[in-house]
């Protein structure tokens, strides 16, 4: 199995919109999904994956972790 050259990024996708886009991407053949805790959409991504019927061992999920970055401006 090789890592897909193209994946779906979920930054700024929320709730129902995120769910629909991820589920559609999986139906179209996407197998790489980028997400992060900071995106606050993990539940929608997970629901779309579960309901897509695509076996988990066929997917490449790229989670990231860390803290929010704050920029101090004066």
N, C-alpha and C. Protein backbone atom coordinates (compact mmCIF):
# COMPACT_ATOMS: atom_id res chain seq x y z
N UNK A 1 0.85 -1.17 0.00
CA UNK A 1 0.00 0.00 0.00
C UNK A 1 0.90 1.24 0.00
N UNK A 2 0.56 2.20 -0.83
CA UNK A 2 1.34 3.44 -0.88
C UNK A 2 0.49 4.61 -0.42
N UNK A 3 1.16 5.61 0.11
CA UNK A 3 0.46 6.82 0.56
C UNK A 3 -0.02 7.58 -0.67
N UNK A 4 -1.30 7.98 -0.69
CA UNK A 4 -1.82 8.72 -1.84
C UNK A 4 -1.09 10.05 -2.04
N UNK A 5 -0.92 10.43 -3.29
CA UNK A 5 -0.27 11.70 -3.62
C UNK A 5 -1.20 12.88 -3.35
N UNK A 6 -2.49 12.62 -3.32
CA UNK A 6 -3.48 13.68 -3.12
C UNK A 6 -4.36 13.33 -1.93
N UNK A 7 -4.60 14.31 -1.08
CA UNK A 7 -5.46 14.09 0.07
C UNK A 7 -6.39 15.27 0.28
N UNK A 8 -7.31 15.11 1.20
CA UNK A 8 -8.27 16.17 1.52
C UNK A 8 -7.87 16.85 2.81
N UNK A 9 -7.72 18.16 2.77
CA UNK A 9 -7.47 18.95 3.97
C UNK A 9 -8.79 19.43 4.55
N UNK A 10 -8.91 19.38 5.86
CA UNK A 10 -10.19 19.74 6.49
C UNK A 10 -10.12 21.04 7.29
N UNK A 11 -9.05 21.80 7.13
CA UNK A 11 -8.92 23.07 7.84
C UNK A 11 -10.08 23.99 7.46
N UNK A 12 -10.70 24.59 8.45
CA UNK A 12 -11.84 25.51 8.32
C UNK A 12 -13.15 24.85 7.90
N UNK A 13 -13.19 23.55 7.85
CA UNK A 13 -14.45 22.86 7.60
C UNK A 13 -15.09 22.54 8.94
N UNK A 14 -16.36 22.83 9.07
CA UNK A 14 -17.06 22.61 10.34
C UNK A 14 -18.33 21.80 10.14
N UNK A 15 -18.67 21.06 11.16
CA UNK A 15 -19.96 20.41 11.35
C UNK A 15 -20.47 19.69 10.10
N UNK A 16 -21.72 19.99 9.70
CA UNK A 16 -22.38 19.28 8.60
C UNK A 16 -21.62 19.45 7.29
N UNK A 17 -21.08 20.63 7.05
CA UNK A 17 -20.32 20.87 5.81
C UNK A 17 -19.08 19.98 5.77
N UNK A 18 -18.39 19.88 6.88
CA UNK A 18 -17.21 19.02 6.97
C UNK A 18 -17.60 17.57 6.72
N UNK A 19 -18.64 17.13 7.37
CA UNK A 19 -19.13 15.75 7.21
C UNK A 19 -19.42 15.45 5.74
N UNK A 20 -20.18 16.32 5.09
CA UNK A 20 -20.57 16.09 3.69
C UNK A 20 -19.36 16.06 2.76
N UNK A 21 -18.43 17.00 2.96
CA UNK A 21 -17.25 17.07 2.09
C UNK A 21 -16.37 15.84 2.27
N UNK A 22 -16.12 15.44 3.50
CA UNK A 22 -15.28 14.27 3.75
C UNK A 22 -15.95 13.01 3.20
N UNK A 23 -17.23 12.85 3.45
CA UNK A 23 -17.94 11.66 2.96
C UNK A 23 -17.93 11.61 1.44
N UNK A 24 -18.17 12.74 0.80
CA UNK A 24 -18.14 12.79 -0.67
C UNK A 24 -16.75 12.47 -1.20
N UNK A 25 -15.73 13.03 -0.57
CA UNK A 25 -14.35 12.76 -0.99
C UNK A 25 -14.04 11.27 -0.91
N UNK A 26 -14.47 10.64 0.17
CA UNK A 26 -14.25 9.20 0.32
C UNK A 26 -15.00 8.41 -0.75
N UNK A 27 -16.21 8.83 -1.06
CA UNK A 27 -17.00 8.17 -2.11
C UNK A 27 -16.33 8.33 -3.47
N UNK A 28 -15.62 9.45 -3.67
CA UNK A 28 -14.93 9.70 -4.94
C UNK A 28 -13.57 9.02 -5.03
N UNK A 29 -13.14 8.41 -3.94
CA UNK A 29 -11.89 7.66 -3.98
C UNK A 29 -10.74 8.23 -3.17
N UNK A 30 -10.94 9.37 -2.53
CA UNK A 30 -9.89 9.91 -1.66
C UNK A 30 -9.62 8.91 -0.55
N UNK A 31 -8.35 8.75 -0.20
CA UNK A 31 -7.99 7.85 0.88
C UNK A 31 -7.03 8.50 1.88
N UNK A 32 -6.74 9.78 1.70
CA UNK A 32 -5.89 10.52 2.65
C UNK A 32 -6.68 11.72 3.15
N UNK A 33 -6.81 11.83 4.47
CA UNK A 33 -7.55 12.91 5.10
C UNK A 33 -6.64 13.59 6.12
N UNK A 34 -6.50 14.90 6.00
CA UNK A 34 -5.71 15.69 6.94
C UNK A 34 -6.65 16.36 7.93
N UNK A 35 -6.37 16.22 9.20
CA UNK A 35 -7.17 16.87 10.23
C UNK A 35 -6.28 17.22 11.41
N UNK A 36 -6.83 17.95 12.36
CA UNK A 36 -6.07 18.33 13.56
C UNK A 36 -7.05 18.68 14.66
N UNK A 37 -6.63 18.46 15.88
CA UNK A 37 -7.48 18.80 17.02
C UNK A 37 -7.86 20.28 16.99
N UNK A 38 -6.95 21.12 16.59
CA UNK A 38 -7.19 22.56 16.57
C UNK A 38 -8.28 22.95 15.56
N UNK A 39 -8.55 22.08 14.57
CA UNK A 39 -9.59 22.37 13.59
C UNK A 39 -10.99 22.22 14.19
N UNK A 40 -11.08 21.48 15.28
CA UNK A 40 -12.35 21.24 15.98
C UNK A 40 -13.41 20.60 15.09
N UNK A 41 -12.98 19.67 14.25
CA UNK A 41 -13.93 19.00 13.37
C UNK A 41 -13.74 17.48 13.36
N UNK A 42 -13.04 16.98 14.36
CA UNK A 42 -12.73 15.56 14.39
C UNK A 42 -13.98 14.68 14.45
N UNK A 43 -15.03 15.13 15.13
CA UNK A 43 -16.26 14.33 15.22
C UNK A 43 -16.90 14.19 13.84
N UNK A 44 -16.96 15.27 13.08
CA UNK A 44 -17.55 15.23 11.74
C UNK A 44 -16.71 14.37 10.81
N UNK A 45 -15.38 14.49 10.90
CA UNK A 45 -14.49 13.66 10.08
C UNK A 45 -14.70 12.19 10.44
N UNK A 46 -14.72 11.89 11.72
CA UNK A 46 -14.91 10.51 12.16
C UNK A 46 -16.24 9.93 11.73
N UNK A 47 -17.30 10.72 11.83
CA UNK A 47 -18.62 10.25 11.41
C UNK A 47 -18.64 9.95 9.92
N UNK A 48 -18.05 10.84 9.12
CA UNK A 48 -18.00 10.63 7.67
C UNK A 48 -17.23 9.36 7.33
N UNK A 49 -16.11 9.15 8.01
CA UNK A 49 -15.31 7.95 7.77
C UNK A 49 -16.11 6.71 8.12
N UNK A 50 -16.73 6.72 9.29
CA UNK A 50 -17.51 5.56 9.74
C UNK A 50 -18.64 5.24 8.78
N UNK A 51 -19.37 6.27 8.36
CA UNK A 51 -20.55 6.05 7.51
C UNK A 51 -20.20 5.82 6.05
N UNK A 52 -18.95 6.08 5.66
CA UNK A 52 -18.55 5.90 4.26
C UNK A 52 -18.46 4.43 3.88
N UNK A 53 -18.19 3.58 4.88
CA UNK A 53 -18.02 2.17 4.60
C UNK A 53 -16.63 1.80 4.10
N UNK A 54 -15.74 2.79 3.98
CA UNK A 54 -14.37 2.52 3.55
C UNK A 54 -13.63 1.88 4.73
N UNK A 55 -13.02 0.73 4.53
CA UNK A 55 -12.28 0.09 5.63
C UNK A 55 -11.16 0.98 6.14
N UNK A 56 -11.01 1.03 7.44
CA UNK A 56 -10.00 1.89 8.06
C UNK A 56 -8.60 1.59 7.56
N UNK A 57 -8.31 0.34 7.25
CA UNK A 57 -6.96 0.00 6.80
C UNK A 57 -6.66 0.50 5.39
N UNK A 58 -7.64 1.08 4.72
CA UNK A 58 -7.42 1.69 3.40
C UNK A 58 -7.19 3.19 3.49
N UNK A 59 -7.29 3.75 4.70
CA UNK A 59 -7.22 5.20 4.86
C UNK A 59 -5.91 5.66 5.49
N UNK A 60 -5.49 6.84 5.09
CA UNK A 60 -4.36 7.52 5.71
C UNK A 60 -4.91 8.77 6.38
N UNK A 61 -5.00 8.76 7.69
CA UNK A 61 -5.49 9.91 8.45
C UNK A 61 -4.26 10.61 9.02
N UNK A 62 -4.14 11.90 8.74
CA UNK A 62 -2.98 12.67 9.18
C UNK A 62 -3.41 13.64 10.26
N UNK A 63 -3.40 13.21 11.52
CA UNK A 63 -3.75 14.13 12.61
C UNK A 63 -2.52 14.91 13.05
N UNK A 64 -2.77 16.05 13.60
CA UNK A 64 -1.70 16.85 14.18
C UNK A 64 -2.11 17.22 15.59
N UNK A 65 -1.15 17.44 16.44
CA UNK A 65 -1.47 17.88 17.79
C UNK A 65 -0.56 19.03 18.16
N UNK A 66 -0.92 19.70 19.20
CA UNK A 66 -0.13 20.84 19.64
C UNK A 66 -1.04 21.87 20.26
N UNK A 67 -0.51 23.00 20.51
CA UNK A 67 -1.30 24.06 21.13
C UNK A 67 -1.57 25.16 20.12
N UNK A 68 -2.53 25.97 20.47
CA UNK A 68 -2.84 27.12 19.62
C UNK A 68 -1.66 28.09 19.64
N UNK A 69 -1.39 28.66 18.50
CA UNK A 69 -0.31 29.63 18.40
C UNK A 69 -0.93 31.02 18.51
N UNK A 70 -0.45 31.78 19.43
CA UNK A 70 -0.95 33.15 19.55
C UNK A 70 0.16 34.10 19.15
N UNK A 71 -0.23 35.12 18.44
CA UNK A 71 0.72 36.12 17.99
C UNK A 71 0.44 37.41 18.74
N UNK A 72 1.44 37.91 19.39
CA UNK A 72 1.29 39.15 20.14
C UNK A 72 1.60 40.32 19.21
N UNK A 73 0.66 41.21 19.11
CA UNK A 73 0.87 42.40 18.30
C UNK A 73 0.84 43.62 19.19
N UNK A 74 1.55 44.62 18.80
CA UNK A 74 1.56 45.83 19.62
C UNK A 74 0.95 47.00 18.88
